[in-house]
Amino acid sequence: MSGPQPPAVPAAQVSAVLAWAARLAGARPAAGTIETAAYLTAKAAVLERIAAEREQGGWTPEDITAAAEAAARARETADAAALLAAAGITTTED
């Protein structure tokens, strides 16, 4: 291992992102792009921290790769949602 261990992702932070996902899934009408982008950004941040923990924590290369790929996909999705929100597209139906 090199460098200091990244701080663990608090369980409360993971729980908050999961609760946010549940609220968005049940939103009627559908949640807007601004809130969706904010949620996806928070999700990506949590996954990126988890990936960093695994890399520094001696996990298997397969687990490290899986975590890093999940984080990268989440960040790409968050960035795309942020672009929609910035363009003024207010719902996914627009």
N, C-alpha and C. Protein backbone atom coordinates (compact mmCIF):
# COMPACT_ATOMS: atom_id res chain seq x y z
N MET A 1 0.83 -1.18 0.00
CA MET A 1 0.00 0.00 0.00
C MET A 1 0.87 1.24 0.00
N SER A 2 0.43 2.26 -0.71
CA SER A 2 1.17 3.50 -0.71
C SER A 2 0.24 4.62 -0.30
N GLY A 3 0.76 5.55 0.48
CA GLY A 3 -0.02 6.70 0.89
C GLY A 3 -1.02 6.38 1.97
N PRO A 4 -1.62 7.42 2.49
CA PRO A 4 -2.60 7.22 3.56
C PRO A 4 -3.88 6.58 3.04
N GLN A 5 -4.52 5.87 3.91
CA GLN A 5 -5.80 5.21 3.61
C GLN A 5 -6.89 6.28 3.45
N PRO A 6 -7.69 6.25 2.38
CA PRO A 6 -8.77 7.22 2.26
C PRO A 6 -9.80 6.97 3.36
N PRO A 7 -10.48 8.02 3.81
CA PRO A 7 -11.48 7.81 4.85
C PRO A 7 -12.62 6.93 4.33
N ALA A 8 -13.13 6.11 5.20
CA ALA A 8 -14.23 5.23 4.82
C ALA A 8 -15.47 6.05 4.50
N VAL A 9 -16.25 5.56 3.57
CA VAL A 9 -17.52 6.21 3.25
C VAL A 9 -18.47 5.88 4.41
N PRO A 10 -18.98 6.91 5.08
CA PRO A 10 -19.88 6.64 6.20
C PRO A 10 -21.15 5.92 5.73
N ALA A 11 -21.58 4.96 6.53
CA ALA A 11 -22.81 4.23 6.19
C ALA A 11 -23.99 5.18 6.03
N ALA A 12 -24.02 6.24 6.83
CA ALA A 12 -25.11 7.21 6.73
C ALA A 12 -25.14 7.89 5.36
N GLN A 13 -23.97 8.13 4.77
CA GLN A 13 -23.92 8.74 3.45
C GLN A 13 -24.45 7.78 2.39
N VAL A 14 -24.08 6.52 2.49
CA VAL A 14 -24.58 5.51 1.55
C VAL A 14 -26.10 5.39 1.71
N SER A 15 -26.57 5.35 2.95
CA SER A 15 -28.00 5.24 3.22
C SER A 15 -28.76 6.44 2.66
N ALA A 16 -28.19 7.62 2.80
CA ALA A 16 -28.85 8.83 2.29
C ALA A 16 -29.00 8.78 0.78
N VAL A 17 -27.96 8.30 0.08
CA VAL A 17 -28.04 8.19 -1.38
C VAL A 17 -29.08 7.14 -1.78
N LEU A 18 -29.13 6.03 -1.05
CA LEU A 18 -30.14 5.00 -1.34
C LEU A 18 -31.55 5.52 -1.08
N ALA A 19 -31.74 6.26 -0.01
CA ALA A 19 -33.06 6.83 0.28
C ALA A 19 -33.45 7.84 -0.79
N TRP A 20 -32.49 8.62 -1.25
CA TRP A 20 -32.74 9.59 -2.32
C TRP A 20 -33.17 8.86 -3.59
N ALA A 21 -32.52 7.76 -3.91
CA ALA A 21 -32.89 6.97 -5.08
C ALA A 21 -34.32 6.47 -4.96
N ALA A 22 -34.69 6.00 -3.77
CA ALA A 22 -36.05 5.51 -3.55
C ALA A 22 -37.07 6.63 -3.73
N ARG A 23 -36.76 7.83 -3.22
CA ARG A 23 -37.68 8.97 -3.39
C ARG A 23 -37.83 9.31 -4.86
N LEU A 24 -36.73 9.33 -5.60
CA LEU A 24 -36.81 9.66 -7.02
C LEU A 24 -37.59 8.60 -7.79
N ALA A 25 -37.39 7.34 -7.44
CA ALA A 25 -38.09 6.26 -8.14
C ALA A 25 -39.60 6.36 -7.91
N GLY A 26 -40.00 6.84 -6.76
CA GLY A 26 -41.42 6.95 -6.45
C GLY A 26 -42.02 8.30 -6.77
N ALA A 27 -41.22 9.22 -7.30
CA ALA A 27 -41.71 10.57 -7.57
C ALA A 27 -42.74 10.57 -8.68
N ARG A 28 -43.85 11.19 -8.38
CA ARG A 28 -44.92 11.36 -9.37
C ARG A 28 -45.39 12.78 -9.33
N PRO A 29 -45.29 13.56 -10.37
CA PRO A 29 -44.68 13.17 -11.64
C PRO A 29 -43.18 12.93 -11.49
N ALA A 30 -42.60 12.49 -12.55
CA ALA A 30 -41.17 12.14 -12.52
C ALA A 30 -40.34 13.32 -12.03
N ALA A 31 -39.26 13.01 -11.33
CA ALA A 31 -38.36 14.04 -10.83
C ALA A 31 -37.75 14.80 -12.01
N GLY A 32 -37.44 16.06 -11.79
CA GLY A 32 -36.83 16.88 -12.82
C GLY A 32 -35.37 16.56 -13.01
N THR A 33 -34.82 17.08 -14.09
CA THR A 33 -33.43 16.78 -14.41
C THR A 33 -32.45 17.40 -13.41
N ILE A 34 -32.80 18.53 -12.80
CA ILE A 34 -31.88 19.15 -11.85
C ILE A 34 -31.72 18.25 -10.63
N GLU A 35 -32.84 17.76 -10.07
CA GLU A 35 -32.72 16.88 -8.91
C GLU A 35 -32.08 15.55 -9.29
N THR A 36 -32.44 15.03 -10.45
CA THR A 36 -31.84 13.78 -10.91
C THR A 36 -30.34 13.93 -11.07
N ALA A 37 -29.90 15.03 -11.65
CA ALA A 37 -28.46 15.27 -11.83
C ALA A 37 -27.77 15.37 -10.47
N ALA A 38 -28.40 16.04 -9.51
CA ALA A 38 -27.81 16.17 -8.18
C ALA A 38 -27.68 14.80 -7.51
N TYR A 39 -28.74 13.99 -7.62
CA TYR A 39 -28.68 12.63 -7.07
C TYR A 39 -27.56 11.81 -7.73
N LEU A 40 -27.51 11.84 -9.05
CA LEU A 40 -26.51 11.05 -9.76
C LEU A 40 -25.09 11.51 -9.43
N THR A 41 -24.90 12.80 -9.20
CA THR A 41 -23.60 13.32 -8.80
C THR A 41 -23.22 12.80 -7.41
N ALA A 42 -24.19 12.80 -6.49
CA ALA A 42 -23.93 12.27 -5.14
C ALA A 42 -23.62 10.77 -5.20
N LYS A 43 -24.35 10.04 -6.03
CA LYS A 43 -24.11 8.61 -6.18
C LYS A 43 -22.71 8.36 -6.74
N ALA A 44 -22.33 9.12 -7.75
CA ALA A 44 -21.00 8.95 -8.35
C ALA A 44 -19.91 9.24 -7.32
N ALA A 45 -20.11 10.26 -6.50
CA ALA A 45 -19.11 10.61 -5.48
C ALA A 45 -18.93 9.48 -4.48
N VAL A 46 -20.04 8.87 -4.06
CA VAL A 46 -19.96 7.74 -3.12
C VAL A 46 -19.23 6.56 -3.77
N LEU A 47 -19.58 6.25 -5.00
CA LEU A 47 -18.94 5.13 -5.69
C LEU A 47 -17.46 5.39 -5.93
N GLU A 48 -17.09 6.64 -6.22
CA GLU A 48 -15.68 6.97 -6.40
C GLU A 48 -14.91 6.79 -5.09
N ARG A 49 -15.52 7.16 -3.98
CA ARG A 49 -14.85 6.98 -2.68
C ARG A 49 -14.71 5.50 -2.35
N ILE A 50 -15.74 4.72 -2.65
CA ILE A 50 -15.67 3.28 -2.41
C ILE A 50 -14.56 2.66 -3.26
N ALA A 51 -14.48 3.07 -4.52
CA ALA A 51 -13.42 2.56 -5.40
C ALA A 51 -12.04 2.90 -4.85
N ALA A 52 -11.87 4.12 -4.36
CA ALA A 52 -10.58 4.53 -3.79
C ALA A 52 -10.25 3.71 -2.55
N GLU A 53 -11.25 3.45 -1.72
CA GLU A 53 -11.04 2.62 -0.53
C GLU A 53 -10.56 1.22 -0.92
N ARG A 54 -11.20 0.65 -1.93
CA ARG A 54 -10.82 -0.69 -2.35
C ARG A 54 -9.40 -0.72 -2.88
N GLU A 55 -9.04 0.29 -3.65
CA GLU A 55 -7.69 0.32 -4.21
C GLU A 55 -6.64 0.41 -3.11
N GLN A 56 -6.90 1.21 -2.11
CA GLN A 56 -5.95 1.38 -1.01
C GLN A 56 -6.06 0.28 0.03
N GLY A 57 -7.17 -0.46 0.03
CA GLY A 57 -7.42 -1.41 1.10
C GLY A 57 -6.99 -2.83 0.81
N GLY A 58 -6.31 -3.07 -0.29
CA GLY A 58 -5.81 -4.40 -0.57
C GLY A 58 -6.84 -5.37 -1.13
N TRP A 59 -7.89 -4.86 -1.74
CA TRP A 59 -8.88 -5.73 -2.36
C TRP A 59 -8.28 -6.40 -3.59
N THR A 60 -8.96 -7.41 -4.09
CA THR A 60 -8.46 -8.10 -5.28
C THR A 60 -8.53 -7.16 -6.49
N PRO A 61 -7.67 -7.40 -7.48
CA PRO A 61 -7.72 -6.56 -8.68
C PRO A 61 -9.11 -6.56 -9.34
N GLU A 62 -9.78 -7.69 -9.30
CA GLU A 62 -11.11 -7.77 -9.91
C GLU A 62 -12.10 -6.86 -9.19
N ASP A 63 -12.05 -6.85 -7.85
CA ASP A 63 -12.94 -5.99 -7.07
C ASP A 63 -12.61 -4.52 -7.28
N ILE A 64 -11.33 -4.22 -7.35
CA ILE A 64 -10.92 -2.83 -7.59
C ILE A 64 -11.41 -2.37 -8.96
N THR A 65 -11.24 -3.22 -9.97
CA THR A 65 -11.68 -2.87 -11.32
C THR A 65 -13.19 -2.70 -11.38
N ALA A 66 -13.94 -3.60 -10.76
CA ALA A 66 -15.40 -3.51 -10.76
C ALA A 66 -15.86 -2.21 -10.10
N ALA A 67 -15.25 -1.85 -8.98
CA ALA A 67 -15.62 -0.63 -8.28
C ALA A 67 -15.28 0.60 -9.12
N ALA A 68 -14.11 0.60 -9.73
CA ALA A 68 -13.69 1.74 -10.56
C ALA A 68 -14.59 1.89 -11.79
N GLU A 69 -14.97 0.78 -12.40
CA GLU A 69 -15.84 0.84 -13.57
C GLU A 69 -17.23 1.33 -13.19
N ALA A 70 -17.76 0.88 -12.06
CA ALA A 70 -19.07 1.35 -11.60
C ALA A 70 -19.03 2.84 -11.32
N ALA A 71 -17.96 3.30 -10.70
CA ALA A 71 -17.81 4.73 -10.41
C ALA A 71 -17.71 5.54 -11.71
N ALA A 72 -16.97 5.05 -12.68
CA ALA A 72 -16.82 5.76 -13.95
C ALA A 72 -18.15 5.85 -14.69
N ARG A 73 -18.91 4.76 -14.70
CA ARG A 73 -20.23 4.79 -15.36
C ARG A 73 -21.16 5.76 -14.65
N ALA A 74 -21.12 5.76 -13.33
CA ALA A 74 -21.97 6.67 -12.56
C ALA A 74 -21.59 8.12 -12.85
N ARG A 75 -20.29 8.41 -12.94
CA ARG A 75 -19.86 9.78 -13.22
C ARG A 75 -20.29 10.20 -14.61
N GLU A 76 -20.18 9.32 -15.62
CA GLU A 76 -20.62 9.64 -16.98
C GLU A 76 -22.11 9.95 -17.01
N THR A 77 -22.90 9.16 -16.30
CA THR A 77 -24.35 9.38 -16.24
C THR A 77 -24.67 10.69 -15.54
N ALA A 78 -23.97 10.98 -14.45
CA ALA A 78 -24.18 12.23 -13.72
C ALA A 78 -23.83 13.43 -14.61
N ASP A 79 -22.73 13.33 -15.33
CA ASP A 79 -22.32 14.43 -16.20
C ASP A 79 -23.34 14.66 -17.31
N ALA A 80 -23.87 13.58 -17.88
CA ALA A 80 -24.89 13.72 -18.92
C ALA A 80 -26.15 14.36 -18.36
N ALA A 81 -26.57 13.96 -17.18
CA ALA A 81 -27.76 14.54 -16.55
C ALA A 81 -27.54 16.02 -16.25
N ALA A 82 -26.34 16.37 -15.82
CA ALA A 82 -26.04 17.77 -15.54
C ALA A 82 -26.10 18.61 -16.81
N LEU A 83 -25.65 18.05 -17.92
CA LEU A 83 -25.75 18.76 -19.20
C LEU A 83 -27.20 18.99 -19.59
N LEU A 84 -28.05 18.00 -19.40
CA LEU A 84 -29.48 18.17 -19.69
C LEU A 84 -30.07 19.28 -18.83
N ALA A 85 -29.75 19.24 -17.55
CA ALA A 85 -30.28 20.25 -16.64
C ALA A 85 -29.78 21.65 -17.04
N ALA A 86 -28.50 21.75 -17.39
CA ALA A 86 -27.93 23.03 -17.78
C ALA A 86 -28.54 23.56 -19.08
N ALA A 87 -28.97 22.64 -19.94
CA ALA A 87 -29.59 23.04 -21.20
C ALA A 87 -31.04 23.44 -21.02
N GLY A 88 -31.54 23.33 -19.80
CA GLY A 88 -32.92 23.73 -19.53
C GLY A 88 -33.94 22.65 -19.80
N ILE A 89 -33.49 21.44 -20.04
CA ILE A 89 -34.41 20.32 -20.21
C ILE A 89 -34.85 19.91 -18.81
N THR A 90 -36.12 20.10 -18.52
CA THR A 90 -36.59 19.97 -17.14
C THR A 90 -37.04 18.58 -16.74
N THR A 91 -37.42 17.75 -17.70
CA THR A 91 -37.80 16.38 -17.40
C THR A 91 -37.21 15.46 -18.44
N THR A 92 -37.16 14.19 -18.12
CA THR A 92 -36.62 13.23 -19.08
C THR A 92 -37.57 13.04 -20.26
N GLU A 93 -38.80 13.51 -20.14
CA GLU A 93 -39.75 13.40 -21.23
C GLU A 93 -39.61 14.53 -22.25
N ASP A 94 -38.87 15.62 -21.91
CA ASP A 94 -38.72 16.77 -22.82
C ASP A 94 -37.94 16.40 -24.05
